[in-house]
Amino acid sequence: MTVNSRPGRPVILGQNQYGKAENRVVKITRDGATHHIKDLNVSVALSGDMDEVHYSGSNANVLPTDTTKNTVYAFAKEYGIESAEQFGIHLARHFVTSQEPIHRARIRIEEYAWERIEHTGKGEHSFVRKGQETRLAQITYDGSSWEVVSGLKDLTVLNSTDSEFWGYVKDKYTTLPEAYDRILATEVSGRWRFNWTDDAAPAPDWDESYEQARKHMLQAFAETYSLSLQQTLYAMGTRIIDHRDEIDEVRFSLPNKHHFLVDLEPFGLKNATEDGAVYFAADRPYGLIEATVLRDGCEAKIPADLTNL
């Protein structure tokens, strides 16, 4: 953190950063008649010797945010986009090594997935936007070490059975009935931190790691007989760490997408779970379950508040 003060002033400058946020870049790679698409939203944040621009307005150490935007587009052409993580690594390294006043670069990337439209015409250049989730990556570089955090958000999953919720604390304000066969649904927001920090070590296969972490997370959700969403969260994180040696930490934020049985007795109808029930899907308020799952001996570094990541 930069901490400095001006003589005679009881005011200090704390942590600061600047950059260009949400640069939308779409890269098309042509392999003959087969095209490939990468669709990213890239945010750049730089920090370093930036005291004087705050104190006096001197821009002597300031790389314009417009330049950082131009760099994103130029690098997409020059290097291509192998993966969100690798693209972020190229950018972070460039800003720290090319500008002496910049000591730290943080690159945040959202990736929007597309899939091919199957058709009988010529070429493979038609796509439909996937709506399942948004892939995320954050790359931070300080000139000597890396921190790479990947993940996803807006992935909605549901189990229509194999979930219970009972045996909880009850007081005079408790009205929720115990449930022995309920719907369990959530919208997954998850991040996982890699143990790759040094250029001297081989980097993971970022795309393969993402697909495998997502697969294990979903398999754990589907295969866990759940007595609480907390239990399911822990199973999801554990499954990723057990199967992916390159990942040391997983954090989830899971809103409980409540499904309540509709009271149909006024209409002379029985609405029993075992008969195939009708539910009301409530969007709010919702229970919010959050936790970090760590490899034994590792330190938690992903922020508790995922809205800041």
Foldseek 3Di string as FASTA:
>chain_A
DDWDDDPPDPDIDDDDKDAAFFQWDWDWDDDDLEIDIWTKGKTKIWDFPCVCCVVPVDCPQPDDNVVLSVVLHVCCVVVNDLDPVVSQVVSFCCVCVVRPRTQKMKMKMKIWDWDWDDDDDDGTDHTDTDDAWIKIWMWMDRPFKIKIKIWIWQHKDKDQWLEWEDPDDDDPPDDDDGGDTHMWMWTKTKMWIFPGIGPVDDDDSVVVLHVVLVVQLVVLLHPHSYHDVLVSVQSSFVSSVVVPVGTFKMKIKIWTFDWAFDPCVVVVDDADSVVPGHTDGDPDDTDIDIDMDGDPPDDDDQDRDVVVD
